[in-house]
């Protein structure tokens, strides 16, 4: 999830653990702890694109990280804070560390919660930024902050915020199930033979859902809104995996295929190959658009070394997409 959401979650968890004993400091340290796992994004400054993508939401988003580093941070804070309980501080850091990746596991990118095992949990039930999750949570956190730390009302507000946000998260699982079945029914009605379906919510909401459908030699991309009155339609995108040629066996290419969970297509522009990660969809709802959210240029130097370079995004595309999503959300 986005940084603000993780700060809010961390602060609320910190409050639940130590708010009664130390007041607003519990929120403060919880908010800090809630952002620490995301420091793995700094890897992009020290390594190549493929390695940075492999690291992202890896070790720092694991139970192992929570178990190992919670006592360390707990010990450090207990050395200089007036509240000296090593156990309580460690418990605060552990719960804020572990709830961070559990929430992230519901997004499209997912997390390696069980690192070092090669298993990425990605339930794909909520977009990385969802106001319906964050705003009510933030409102009750602010109400909590305004109360004296020993009052029942303070604990009540914080509890309500945690319950509402968690309930919404559970609701997204049910909404995904409904959308998934709508896509399955549409494929059956259109007599489309497919290998697998991957569904996810569109940006900023859980009303409009997207699906990637794999067939033998192509991917079908479709959208479904709970307000739709017309049948679901699908756009066809050839896999073009053969364009990789000998690069298909390259170690970095293989790693990118694993990172994308096999949901990728290859395109070619002006003699340059591009690796398109289909899991995050397109930056446009226009028919036949090939402007994928995550598109990587594949470069090979004279020594045969392969590099992946993320294609730059135009901010105007993002603004246009938000308008298109709003219009599509209201139904076809």
C-alpha atoms as a PDB file:
ATOM      1  CA  UNK A   1       0.000   0.000   0.000  1.00  0.00           C
ATOM      2  CA  UNK A   2       1.010   3.663  -0.254  1.00  0.00           C
ATOM      3  CA  UNK A   3       3.163   5.297   2.435  1.00  0.00           C
ATOM      4  CA  UNK A   4       0.293   7.239   4.044  1.00  0.00           C
ATOM      5  CA  UNK A   5      -1.770   4.084   4.509  1.00  0.00           C
ATOM      6  CA  UNK A   6       1.136   2.196   6.042  1.00  0.00           C
ATOM      7  CA  UNK A   7       1.834   5.118   8.390  1.00  0.00           C
ATOM      8  CA  UNK A   8      -1.807   5.147   9.501  1.00  0.00           C
ATOM      9  CA  UNK A   9      -1.836   1.375  10.004  1.00  0.00           C
ATOM     10  CA  UNK A  10       1.462   1.453  11.895  1.00  0.00           C
ATOM     11  CA  UNK A  11       0.280   4.302  14.122  1.00  0.00           C
ATOM     12  CA  UNK A  12      -2.992   2.510  14.908  1.00  0.00           C
ATOM     13  CA  UNK A  13      -1.201  -0.743  15.741  1.00  0.00           C
ATOM     14  CA  UNK A  14       1.323   1.143  17.876  1.00  0.00           C
ATOM     15  CA  UNK A  15      -1.562   2.805  19.726  1.00  0.00           C
ATOM     16  CA  UNK A  16      -3.269  -0.539  20.297  1.00  0.00           C
ATOM     17  CA  UNK A  17      -0.086  -1.978  21.808  1.00  0.00           C
ATOM     18  CA  UNK A  18       1.263   0.871  23.940  1.00  0.00           C
ATOM     19  CA  UNK A  19      -1.089   3.854  23.676  1.00  0.00           C
ATOM     20  CA  UNK A  20      -2.531   3.392  27.148  1.00  0.00           C
ATOM     21  CA  UNK A  21       0.936   3.397  28.704  1.00  0.00           C
ATOM     22  CA  UNK A  22       2.838   6.055  26.755  1.00  0.00           C
ATOM     23  CA  UNK A  23       0.223   8.044  24.807  1.00  0.00           C
ATOM     24  CA  UNK A  24       1.068   9.621  21.460  1.00  0.00           C
ATOM     25  CA  UNK A  25       4.601   8.215  21.431  1.00  0.00           C
ATOM     26  CA  UNK A  26       3.072   4.839  20.639  1.00  0.00           C
ATOM     27  CA  UNK A  27       1.552   6.282  17.469  1.00  0.00           C
ATOM     28  CA  UNK A  28       4.804   8.019  16.602  1.00  0.00           C
ATOM     29  CA  UNK A  29       6.929   4.891  16.815  1.00  0.00           C
ATOM     30  CA  UNK A  30       4.217   2.816  15.192  1.00  0.00           C
ATOM     31  CA  UNK A  31       4.137   5.219  12.227  1.00  0.00           C
ATOM     32  CA  UNK A  32       7.925   5.005  11.875  1.00  0.00           C
ATOM     33  CA  UNK A  33       7.879   1.217  12.105  1.00  0.00           C
ATOM     34  CA  UNK A  34       5.114   1.118   9.510  1.00  0.00           C
ATOM     35  CA  UNK A  35       7.404   2.720   6.927  1.00  0.00           C
ATOM     36  CA  UNK A  36      10.620   0.775   7.615  1.00  0.00           C
ATOM     37  CA  UNK A  37       9.794  -2.302   5.450  1.00  0.00           C
ATOM     38  CA  UNK A  38       9.376  -0.042   2.407  1.00  0.00           C
ATOM     39  CA  UNK A  39      12.976   1.145   2.620  1.00  0.00           C
ATOM     40  CA  UNK A  40      13.750  -1.711   0.250  1.00  0.00           C
ATOM     41  CA  UNK A  41      12.792   0.668  -2.590  1.00  0.00           C
ATOM     42  CA  UNK A  42      16.211   2.286  -2.087  1.00  0.00           C
ATOM     43  CA  UNK A  43      17.732  -0.791  -3.741  1.00  0.00           C
ATOM     44  CA  UNK A  44      17.067   0.795  -7.150  1.00  0.00           C
ATOM     45  CA  UNK A  45      19.920   3.240  -6.401  1.00  0.00           C
ATOM     46  CA  UNK A  46      22.446   0.467  -5.753  1.00  0.00           C
ATOM     47  CA  UNK A  47      21.621  -2.287  -8.196  1.00  0.00           C
ATOM     48  CA  UNK A  48      20.060  -3.008 -11.588  1.00  0.00           C
ATOM     49  CA  UNK A  49      16.333  -2.893 -12.352  1.00  0.00           C
ATOM     50  CA  UNK A  50      15.772  -6.654 -12.294  1.00  0.00           C
ATOM     51  CA  UNK A  51      17.544  -7.121  -8.946  1.00  0.00           C
ATOM     52  CA  UNK A  52      15.680  -4.157  -7.438  1.00  0.00           C
ATOM     53  CA  UNK A  53      12.344  -5.639  -8.543  1.00  0.00           C
ATOM     54  CA  UNK A  54      13.327  -8.983  -7.014  1.00  0.00           C
ATOM     55  CA  UNK A  55      14.229  -7.301  -3.714  1.00  0.00           C
ATOM     56  CA  UNK A  56      11.079  -5.173  -3.543  1.00  0.00           C
ATOM     57  CA  UNK A  57       8.646  -6.509  -0.937  1.00  0.00           C
ATOM     58  CA  UNK A  58      11.021  -9.374  -0.272  1.00  0.00           C
ATOM     59  CA  UNK A  59      13.044  -9.849   2.923  1.00  0.00           C
ATOM     60  CA  UNK A  60      11.869  -6.629   4.610  1.00  0.00           C
ATOM     61  CA  UNK A  61       8.276  -7.763   4.104  1.00  0.00           C
ATOM     62  CA  UNK A  62       8.755 -11.168   5.682  1.00  0.00           C
ATOM     63  CA  UNK A  63       7.948 -12.758   9.004  1.00  0.00           C
ATOM     64  CA  UNK A  64      11.675 -13.451   9.375  1.00  0.00           C
ATOM     65  CA  UNK A  65      12.417  -9.710   9.190  1.00  0.00           C
ATOM     66  CA  UNK A  66       9.756  -9.000  11.814  1.00  0.00           C
ATOM     67  CA  UNK A  67      11.107 -11.641  14.186  1.00  0.00           C
ATOM     68  CA  UNK A  68      14.759 -10.637  13.790  1.00  0.00           C
ATOM     69  CA  UNK A  69      14.502  -6.853  13.759  1.00  0.00           C
ATOM     70  CA  UNK A  70      11.625  -6.189  16.162  1.00  0.00           C
ATOM     71  CA  UNK A  71      13.768  -7.075  19.227  1.00  0.00           C
ATOM     72  CA  UNK A  72      16.657  -5.026  17.836  1.00  0.00           C
ATOM     73  CA  UNK A  73      14.546  -1.884  17.402  1.00  0.00           C
ATOM     74  CA  UNK A  74      12.810  -2.619  20.691  1.00  0.00           C
ATOM     75  CA  UNK A  75      16.153  -2.771  22.477  1.00  0.00           C
ATOM     76  CA  UNK A  76      17.411   0.446  20.851  1.00  0.00           C
ATOM     77  CA  UNK A  77      14.285   2.445  21.765  1.00  0.00           C
ATOM     78  CA  UNK A  78      14.167   1.028  25.306  1.00  0.00           C
ATOM     79  CA  UNK A  79      17.723   2.319  25.888  1.00  0.00           C
ATOM     80  CA  UNK A  80      16.880   6.013  25.478  1.00  0.00           C
ATOM     81  CA  UNK A  81      13.121   6.300  26.150  1.00  0.00           C
ATOM     82  CA  UNK A  82      11.866   6.839  29.684  1.00  0.00           C
ATOM     83  CA  UNK A  83       9.564   3.840  29.230  1.00  0.00           C
ATOM     84  CA  UNK A  84      12.121   1.018  29.502  1.00  0.00           C
ATOM     85  CA  UNK A  85      10.136  -2.137  28.791  1.00  0.00           C
ATOM     86  CA  UNK A  86      12.136  -4.031  26.158  1.00  0.00           C
ATOM     87  CA  UNK A  87       9.330  -6.580  25.811  1.00  0.00           C
ATOM     88  CA  UNK A  88       6.621  -3.978  25.129  1.00  0.00           C
ATOM     89  CA  UNK A  89       8.744  -2.059  22.630  1.00  0.00           C
ATOM     90  CA  UNK A  90       9.669  -5.280  20.824  1.00  0.00           C
ATOM     91  CA  UNK A  91       6.000  -6.265  20.665  1.00  0.00           C
ATOM     92  CA  UNK A  92       5.101  -2.868  19.167  1.00  0.00           C
ATOM     93  CA  UNK A  93       7.740  -3.185  16.446  1.00  0.00           C
ATOM     94  CA  UNK A  94       6.888  -6.809  15.700  1.00  0.00           C
ATOM     95  CA  UNK A  95       3.171  -6.144  15.185  1.00  0.00           C
ATOM     96  CA  UNK A  96       3.750  -3.039  13.080  1.00  0.00           C
ATOM     97  CA  UNK A  97       6.372  -4.826  10.985  1.00  0.00           C
ATOM     98  CA  UNK A  98       4.216  -7.901  10.362  1.00  0.00           C
ATOM     99  CA  UNK A  99       0.914  -6.111   9.659  1.00  0.00           C
ATOM    100  CA  UNK A 100       2.630  -4.046   6.951  1.00  0.00           C
ATOM    101  CA  UNK A 101       3.316  -7.010   4.606  1.00  0.00           C
ATOM    102  CA  UNK A 102       0.006  -8.680   5.485  1.00  0.00           C
ATOM    103  CA  UNK A 103      -1.775  -5.607   4.116  1.00  0.00           C
ATOM    104  CA  UNK A 104       0.561  -5.449   1.107  1.00  0.00           C
ATOM    105  CA  UNK A 105      -0.212  -9.095   0.364  1.00  0.00           C
ATOM    106  CA  UNK A 106      -3.698  -7.993  -0.710  1.00  0.00           C
ATOM    107  CA  UNK A 107      -2.286  -5.799  -3.511  1.00  0.00           C
ATOM    108  CA  UNK A 108      -1.271  -6.806  -7.027  1.00  0.00           C
ATOM    109  CA  UNK A 109       2.476  -6.832  -6.333  1.00  0.00           C
ATOM    110  CA  UNK A 110       2.093  -8.890  -3.177  1.00  0.00           C
ATOM    111  CA  UNK A 111       4.804  -9.769  -0.645  1.00  0.00           C
ATOM    112  CA  UNK A 112       7.261 -12.536   0.132  1.00  0.00           C
ATOM    113  CA  UNK A 113       5.799 -12.974   3.600  1.00  0.00           C
ATOM    114  CA  UNK A 114       7.378 -16.417   3.950  1.00  0.00           C
ATOM    115  CA  UNK A 115      10.847 -15.455   2.697  1.00  0.00           C
ATOM    116  CA  UNK A 116      13.283 -17.192   2.088  1.00  0.00           C
ATOM    117  CA  UNK A 117      10.751 -19.541   0.470  1.00  0.00           C
ATOM    118  CA  UNK A 118      10.080 -18.524  -3.127  1.00  0.00           C
ATOM    119  CA  UNK A 119       6.407 -17.762  -2.565  1.00  0.00           C
ATOM    120  CA  UNK A 120       4.897 -14.353  -3.237  1.00  0.00           C
ATOM    121  CA  UNK A 121       1.455 -13.780  -1.744  1.00  0.00           C
ATOM    122  CA  UNK A 122      -0.628 -11.499  -3.958  1.00  0.00           C
ATOM    123  CA  UNK A 123      -4.362 -11.730  -3.322  1.00  0.00           C
ATOM    124  CA  UNK A 124      -5.039  -8.760  -5.637  1.00  0.00           C
ATOM    125  CA  UNK A 125      -8.139  -7.576  -3.809  1.00  0.00           C
ATOM    126  CA  UNK A 126      -7.207  -3.927  -3.252  1.00  0.00           C
ATOM    127  CA  UNK A 127      -5.330  -1.281  -5.232  1.00  0.00           C
ATOM    128  CA  UNK A 128      -2.151   0.140  -3.727  1.00  0.00           C
ATOM    129  CA  UNK A 129      -4.046   3.406  -3.050  1.00  0.00           C
ATOM    130  CA  UNK A 130      -7.658   3.039  -1.930  1.00  0.00           C
ATOM    131  CA  UNK A 131      -9.352   6.049  -0.277  1.00  0.00           C
ATOM    132  CA  UNK A 132     -12.182   3.870   1.104  1.00  0.00           C
ATOM    133  CA  UNK A 133      -9.620   1.969   3.139  1.00  0.00           C
ATOM    134  CA  UNK A 134      -7.389   4.851   4.184  1.00  0.00           C
ATOM    135  CA  UNK A 135      -9.672   7.859   4.800  1.00  0.00           C
ATOM    136  CA  UNK A 136     -12.016   6.359   7.443  1.00  0.00           C
ATOM    137  CA  UNK A 137      -8.969   4.808   9.108  1.00  0.00           C
ATOM    138  CA  UNK A 138      -7.209   8.196   9.170  1.00  0.00           C
ATOM    139  CA  UNK A 139     -10.279   9.999  10.524  1.00  0.00           C
ATOM    140  CA  UNK A 140     -10.545   7.671  13.524  1.00  0.00           C
ATOM    141  CA  UNK A 141      -6.793   7.864  14.085  1.00  0.00           C
ATOM    142  CA  UNK A 142      -7.055  11.674  14.315  1.00  0.00           C
ATOM    143  CA  UNK A 143     -10.001  11.349  16.714  1.00  0.00           C
ATOM    144  CA  UNK A 144      -7.890   8.952  18.784  1.00  0.00           C
ATOM    145  CA  UNK A 145      -4.991  11.395  18.803  1.00  0.00           C
ATOM    146  CA  UNK A 146      -7.210  14.129  20.255  1.00  0.00           C
ATOM    147  CA  UNK A 147      -8.113  12.098  23.344  1.00  0.00           C
ATOM    148  CA  UNK A 148      -6.125  11.739  26.582  1.00  0.00           C
ATOM    149  CA  UNK A 149      -4.184   8.494  26.538  1.00  0.00           C
ATOM    150  CA  UNK A 150      -5.904   7.038  29.612  1.00  0.00           C
ATOM    151  CA  UNK A 151      -9.474   7.501  28.381  1.00  0.00           C
ATOM    152  CA  UNK A 152     -11.786   4.737  27.158  1.00  0.00           C
ATOM    153  CA  UNK A 153     -12.887   6.934  24.252  1.00  0.00           C
ATOM    154  CA  UNK A 154      -9.315   6.972  22.880  1.00  0.00           C
ATOM    155  CA  UNK A 155      -9.151   3.179  22.787  1.00  0.00           C
ATOM    156  CA  UNK A 156     -12.664   3.013  21.331  1.00  0.00           C
ATOM    157  CA  UNK A 157     -11.846   5.342  18.418  1.00  0.00           C
ATOM    158  CA  UNK A 158      -8.680   3.416  17.595  1.00  0.00           C
ATOM    159  CA  UNK A 159     -10.519   0.109  17.757  1.00  0.00           C
ATOM    160  CA  UNK A 160     -13.261   1.389  15.442  1.00  0.00           C
ATOM    161  CA  UNK A 161     -10.650   2.520  12.907  1.00  0.00           C
ATOM    162  CA  UNK A 162      -8.991  -0.900  12.945  1.00  0.00           C
ATOM    163  CA  UNK A 163     -12.334  -2.719  12.664  1.00  0.00           C
ATOM    164  CA  UNK A 164     -13.649  -0.579   9.781  1.00  0.00           C
ATOM    165  CA  UNK A 165     -10.425  -0.856   7.753  1.00  0.00           C
ATOM    166  CA  UNK A 166     -10.139  -4.609   8.369  1.00  0.00           C
ATOM    167  CA  UNK A 167     -13.809  -5.136   7.494  1.00  0.00           C
ATOM    168  CA  UNK A 168     -13.369  -3.272   4.220  1.00  0.00           C
ATOM    169  CA  UNK A 169     -10.347  -5.437   3.435  1.00  0.00           C
ATOM    170  CA  UNK A 170     -12.466  -8.540   3.970  1.00  0.00           C
ATOM    171  CA  UNK A 171     -15.211  -7.043   1.788  1.00  0.00           C
ATOM    172  CA  UNK A 172     -12.751  -6.662  -1.107  1.00  0.00           C
ATOM    173  CA  UNK A 173     -12.234 -10.437  -1.077  1.00  0.00           C
ATOM    174  CA  UNK A 174     -15.977 -10.941  -1.575  1.00  0.00           C
ATOM    175  CA  UNK A 175     -16.069  -8.289  -4.320  1.00  0.00           C
ATOM    176  CA  UNK A 176     -13.182  -9.984  -6.113  1.00  0.00           C
ATOM    177  CA  UNK A 177     -15.058 -13.290  -5.987  1.00  0.00           C
ATOM    178  CA  UNK A 178     -18.115 -11.684  -7.608  1.00  0.00           C
ATOM    179  CA  UNK A 179     -16.030 -10.021 -10.331  1.00  0.00           C
ATOM    180  CA  UNK A 180     -14.097 -13.235 -10.994  1.00  0.00           C
ATOM    181  CA  UNK A 181     -17.318 -15.143 -11.575  1.00  0.00           C
ATOM    182  CA  UNK A 182     -18.600 -12.438 -13.906  1.00  0.00           C
ATOM    183  CA  UNK A 183     -15.478 -12.794 -16.044  1.00  0.00           C
ATOM    184  CA  UNK A 184     -15.789 -16.593 -16.045  1.00  0.00           C
ATOM    185  CA  UNK A 185     -19.411 -16.351 -17.148  1.00  0.00           C
ATOM    186  CA  UNK A 186     -18.522 -13.917 -19.942  1.00  0.00           C
ATOM    187  CA  UNK A 187     -15.815 -16.249 -21.251  1.00  0.00           C
ATOM    188  CA  UNK A 188     -18.233 -19.153 -21.187  1.00  0.00           C
ATOM    189  CA  UNK A 189     -20.954 -17.157 -22.954  1.00  0.00           C
ATOM    190  CA  UNK A 190     -18.482 -16.122 -25.650  1.00  0.00           C
ATOM    191  CA  UNK A 191     -17.194 -19.696 -26.003  1.00  0.00           C
ATOM    192  CA  UNK A 192     -13.615 -18.655 -25.259  1.00  0.00           C
ATOM    193  CA  UNK A 193     -11.168 -21.399 -24.302  1.00  0.00           C
ATOM    194  CA  UNK A 194      -8.581 -20.154 -21.838  1.00  0.00           C
ATOM    195  CA  UNK A 195      -5.758 -21.378 -19.625  1.00  0.00           C
ATOM    196  CA  UNK A 196      -6.083 -19.094 -16.590  1.00  0.00           C
ATOM    197  CA  UNK A 197      -7.615 -15.834 -15.342  1.00  0.00           C
ATOM    198  CA  UNK A 198      -6.021 -13.130 -13.211  1.00  0.00           C
ATOM    199  CA  UNK A 199      -8.297 -10.436 -11.727  1.00  0.00           C
ATOM    200  CA  UNK A 200      -7.545  -7.207  -9.832  1.00  0.00           C
ATOM    201  CA  UNK A 201      -9.301  -3.956  -8.853  1.00  0.00           C
ATOM    202  CA  UNK A 202      -8.687  -0.869 -10.961  1.00  0.00           C
ATOM    203  CA  UNK A 203      -6.937   2.155  -9.385  1.00  0.00           C
ATOM    204  CA  UNK A 204      -8.520   3.868  -6.363  1.00  0.00           C
ATOM    205  CA  UNK A 205     -11.651   1.703  -6.124  1.00  0.00           C
ATOM    206  CA  UNK A 206     -13.122  -1.788  -5.861  1.00  0.00           C
ATOM    207  CA  UNK A 207     -16.118  -1.224  -8.146  1.00  0.00           C
ATOM    208  CA  UNK A 208     -14.304  -1.534 -11.484  1.00  0.00           C
ATOM    209  CA  UNK A 209     -12.296  -4.734 -11.924  1.00  0.00           C
ATOM    210  CA  UNK A 210      -9.853  -5.834 -14.605  1.00  0.00           C
ATOM    211  CA  UNK A 211      -8.988  -9.295 -15.865  1.00  0.00           C
ATOM    212  CA  UNK A 212      -6.090 -10.816 -17.758  1.00  0.00           C
ATOM    213  CA  UNK A 213      -7.075 -14.026 -19.515  1.00  0.00           C
ATOM    214  CA  UNK A 214      -4.400 -16.307 -20.934  1.00  0.00           C
ATOM    215  CA  UNK A 215      -5.083 -18.316 -24.086  1.00  0.00           C
ATOM    216  CA  UNK A 216      -2.683 -20.448 -26.079  1.00  0.00           C
ATOM    217  CA  UNK A 217      -0.987 -17.625 -27.985  1.00  0.00           C
ATOM    218  CA  UNK A 218      -2.518 -14.418 -26.656  1.00  0.00           C
ATOM    219  CA  UNK A 219      -3.838 -12.548 -23.640  1.00  0.00           C
ATOM    220  CA  UNK A 220      -7.340 -11.146 -23.408  1.00  0.00           C
ATOM    221  CA  UNK A 221      -7.811  -7.999 -21.310  1.00  0.00           C
ATOM    222  CA  UNK A 222     -11.241  -6.972 -20.054  1.00  0.00           C
ATOM    223  CA  UNK A 223     -12.982  -4.746 -17.511  1.00  0.00           C
ATOM    224  CA  UNK A 224     -16.106  -5.199 -15.423  1.00  0.00           C
ATOM    225  CA  UNK A 225     -17.976  -2.657 -13.288  1.00  0.00           C
ATOM    226  CA  UNK A 226     -20.694  -3.572 -10.828  1.00  0.00           C
ATOM    227  CA  UNK A 227     -22.776  -0.957 -12.644  1.00  0.00           C
ATOM    228  CA  UNK A 228     -22.391  -2.628 -16.057  1.00  0.00           C
ATOM    229  CA  UNK A 229     -25.515  -3.348 -18.106  1.00  0.00           C
ATOM    230  CA  UNK A 230     -23.769  -4.706 -21.232  1.00  0.00           C
ATOM    231  CA  UNK A 231     -21.705  -7.892 -21.696  1.00  0.00           C
ATOM    232  CA  UNK A 232     -17.981  -7.834 -20.913  1.00  0.00           C
ATOM    233  CA  UNK A 233     -15.746  -7.393 -23.941  1.00  0.00           C
ATOM    234  CA  UNK A 234     -12.112  -8.420 -24.269  1.00  0.00           C
ATOM    235  CA  UNK A 235      -9.156  -6.930 -26.161  1.00  0.00           C
ATOM    236  CA  UNK A 236      -6.667  -9.413 -27.649  1.00  0.00           C
ATOM    237  CA  UNK A 237      -2.909  -8.978 -27.207  1.00  0.00           C
ATOM    238  CA  UNK A 238      -0.578 -11.519 -28.887  1.00  0.00           C
ATOM    239  CA  UNK A 239       2.047 -12.878 -26.498  1.00  0.00           C
ATOM    240  CA  UNK A 240       4.864 -12.423 -29.043  1.00  0.00           C
ATOM    241  CA  UNK A 241       7.187 -14.412 -26.794  1.00  0.00           C
ATOM    242  CA  UNK A 242       8.996 -15.656 -29.892  1.00  0.00           C
ATOM    243  CA  UNK A 243      10.388 -12.145 -30.419  1.00  0.00           C
ATOM    244  CA  UNK A 244      12.807 -12.784 -27.563  1.00  0.00           C
ATOM    245  CA  UNK A 245      14.693 -15.317 -29.672  1.00  0.00           C
ATOM    246  CA  UNK A 246      17.893 -16.403 -27.910  1.00  0.00           C
ATOM    247  CA  UNK A 247      17.211 -13.873 -25.134  1.00  0.00           C
ATOM    248  CA  UNK A 248      14.523 -16.217 -23.811  1.00  0.00           C
ATOM    249  CA  UNK A 249      17.226 -18.238 -22.048  1.00  0.00           C
ATOM    250  CA  UNK A 250      19.018 -15.194 -20.621  1.00  0.00           C
ATOM    251  CA  UNK A 251      19.210 -15.214 -16.817  1.00  0.00           C
ATOM    252  CA  UNK A 252      17.791 -11.703 -16.393  1.00  0.00           C
ATOM    253  CA  UNK A 253      14.975 -12.344 -18.838  1.00  0.00           C
ATOM    254  CA  UNK A 254      14.103 -15.502 -16.950  1.00  0.00           C
ATOM    255  CA  UNK A 255      14.065 -13.555 -13.676  1.00  0.00           C
ATOM    256  CA  UNK A 256      11.730 -10.954 -15.174  1.00  0.00           C
ATOM    257  CA  UNK A 257       9.390 -13.701 -16.351  1.00  0.00           C
ATOM    258  CA  UNK A 258       9.314 -15.074 -12.792  1.00  0.00           C
ATOM    259  CA  UNK A 259       8.738 -11.598 -11.324  1.00  0.00           C
ATOM    260  CA  UNK A 260       5.797 -11.037 -13.700  1.00  0.00           C
ATOM    261  CA  UNK A 261       4.426 -14.478 -12.748  1.00  0.00           C
ATOM    262  CA  UNK A 262       4.388 -15.295 -16.461  1.00  0.00           C
ATOM    263  CA  UNK A 263       1.957 -12.469 -17.284  1.00  0.00           C
ATOM    264  CA  UNK A 264       3.995 -10.664 -19.922  1.00  0.00           C
ATOM    265  CA  UNK A 265       3.979  -9.853 -23.611  1.00  0.00           C
ATOM    266  CA  UNK A 266       6.797  -8.692 -25.853  1.00  0.00           C
ATOM    267  CA  UNK A 267       6.452  -5.738 -28.202  1.00  0.00           C
ATOM    268  CA  UNK A 268       8.851  -4.222 -30.685  1.00  0.00           C
ATOM    269  CA  UNK A 269       9.226  -0.533 -31.545  1.00  0.00           C
ATOM    270  CA  UNK A 270      11.855   0.821 -33.923  1.00  0.00           C
ATOM    271  CA  UNK A 271      13.840  -2.392 -33.609  1.00  0.00           C
ATOM    272  CA  UNK A 272      13.821  -2.279 -29.786  1.00  0.00           C
ATOM    273  CA  UNK A 273      12.226  -5.021 -27.710  1.00  0.00           C
ATOM    274  CA  UNK A 274       9.974  -4.157 -24.758  1.00  0.00           C
ATOM    275  CA  UNK A 275       8.930  -6.387 -21.880  1.00  0.00           C
ATOM    276  CA  UNK A 276       5.370  -5.518 -20.803  1.00  0.00           C
ATOM    277  CA  UNK A 277       4.215  -6.635 -17.353  1.00  0.00           C
ATOM    278  CA  UNK A 278       0.484  -7.299 -17.752  1.00  0.00           C
ATOM    279  CA  UNK A 279      -0.299  -7.603 -14.033  1.00  0.00           C
ATOM    280  CA  UNK A 280      -0.755  -3.848 -13.646  1.00  0.00           C
ATOM    281  CA  UNK A 281      -2.694  -3.217 -16.826  1.00  0.00           C
ATOM    282  CA  UNK A 282      -2.658  -0.258 -19.189  1.00  0.00           C
ATOM    283  CA  UNK A 283      -2.386   3.499 -18.818  1.00  0.00           C
ATOM    284  CA  UNK A 284      -5.353   3.880 -21.139  1.00  0.00           C
ATOM    285  CA  UNK A 285      -8.752   2.265 -21.609  1.00  0.00           C
ATOM    286  CA  UNK A 286      -8.754   3.145 -25.302  1.00  0.00           C
ATOM    287  CA  UNK A 287      -9.203   0.121 -27.601  1.00  0.00           C
ATOM    288  CA  UNK A 288      -5.956  -1.515 -28.760  1.00  0.00           C
ATOM    289  CA  UNK A 289      -3.846   0.633 -26.440  1.00  0.00           C
ATOM    290  CA  UNK A 290      -0.331  -0.732 -25.828  1.00  0.00           C
ATOM    291  CA  UNK A 291       0.637   1.809 -23.205  1.00  0.00           C
ATOM    292  CA  UNK A 292       1.266  -0.571 -20.327  1.00  0.00           C
ATOM    293  CA  UNK A 293       1.830   0.735 -16.801  1.00  0.00           C
ATOM    294  CA  UNK A 294       5.095  -1.197 -16.467  1.00  0.00           C
ATOM    295  CA  UNK A 295       7.029  -1.428 -19.678  1.00  0.00           C
ATOM    296  CA  UNK A 296      10.763  -2.207 -19.797  1.00  0.00           C
ATOM    297  CA  UNK A 297      13.153  -1.654 -22.671  1.00  0.00           C
ATOM    298  CA  UNK A 298      15.477  -4.625 -23.213  1.00  0.00           C
ATOM    299  CA  UNK A 299      19.001  -3.487 -24.065  1.00  0.00           C
ATOM    300  CA  UNK A 300      21.972  -5.668 -24.986  1.00  0.00           C
ATOM    301  CA  UNK A 301      25.501  -4.220 -25.022  1.00  0.00           C
ATOM    302  CA  UNK A 302      28.436  -5.360 -27.156  1.00  0.00           C
ATOM    303  CA  UNK A 303      29.450  -7.960 -24.600  1.00  0.00           C
ATOM    304  CA  UNK A 304      25.988  -9.506 -24.644  1.00  0.00           C
ATOM    305  CA  UNK A 305      25.010  -8.184 -21.219  1.00  0.00           C
ATOM    306  CA  UNK A 306      21.255  -7.611 -20.934  1.00  0.00           C
ATOM    307  CA  UNK A 307      19.712  -4.628 -19.163  1.00  0.00           C
ATOM    308  CA  UNK A 308      16.090  -3.769 -18.431  1.00  0.00           C
ATOM    309  CA  UNK A 309      15.233  -0.071 -18.365  1.00  0.00           C
ATOM    310  CA  UNK A 310      11.786   1.052 -17.261  1.00  0.00           C
ATOM    311  CA  UNK A 311      10.095   3.184 -19.902  1.00  0.00           C
ATOM    312  CA  UNK A 312       9.238   6.697 -18.624  1.00  0.00           C
ATOM    313  CA  UNK A 313       5.606   7.584 -17.975  1.00  0.00           C
ATOM    314  CA  UNK A 314       3.823  10.745 -19.052  1.00  0.00           C
ATOM    315  CA  UNK A 315       1.895  12.392 -16.183  1.00  0.00           C
ATOM    316  CA  UNK A 316      -0.764  13.392 -18.684  1.00  0.00           C
ATOM    317  CA  UNK A 317      -1.462   9.705 -19.312  1.00  0.00           C
ATOM    318  CA  UNK A 318      -2.125   9.217 -15.613  1.00  0.00           C
ATOM    319  CA  UNK A 319      -4.583  12.107 -15.457  1.00  0.00           C
ATOM    320  CA  UNK A 320      -6.337  10.900 -18.586  1.00  0.00           C
ATOM    321  CA  UNK A 321      -6.566   7.381 -17.171  1.00  0.00           C
ATOM    322  CA  UNK A 322      -8.260   8.623 -13.994  1.00  0.00           C
ATOM    323  CA  UNK A 323     -10.944  10.312 -16.085  1.00  0.00           C
ATOM    324  CA  UNK A 324     -11.399   7.190 -18.223  1.00  0.00           C
ATOM    325  CA  UNK A 325     -11.645   5.006 -15.128  1.00  0.00           C
ATOM    326  CA  UNK A 326     -14.285   7.281 -13.623  1.00  0.00           C
ATOM    327  CA  UNK A 327     -16.375   7.110 -16.786  1.00  0.00           C
ATOM    328  CA  UNK A 328     -15.942   3.328 -17.113  1.00  0.00           C
ATOM    329  CA  UNK A 329     -16.678   2.764 -13.421  1.00  0.00           C
ATOM    330  CA  UNK A 330     -20.189   4.129 -13.957  1.00  0.00           C
ATOM    331  CA  UNK A 331     -20.983   1.251 -16.299  1.00  0.00           C
ATOM    332  CA  UNK A 332     -20.716   0.300 -19.967  1.00  0.00           C
END
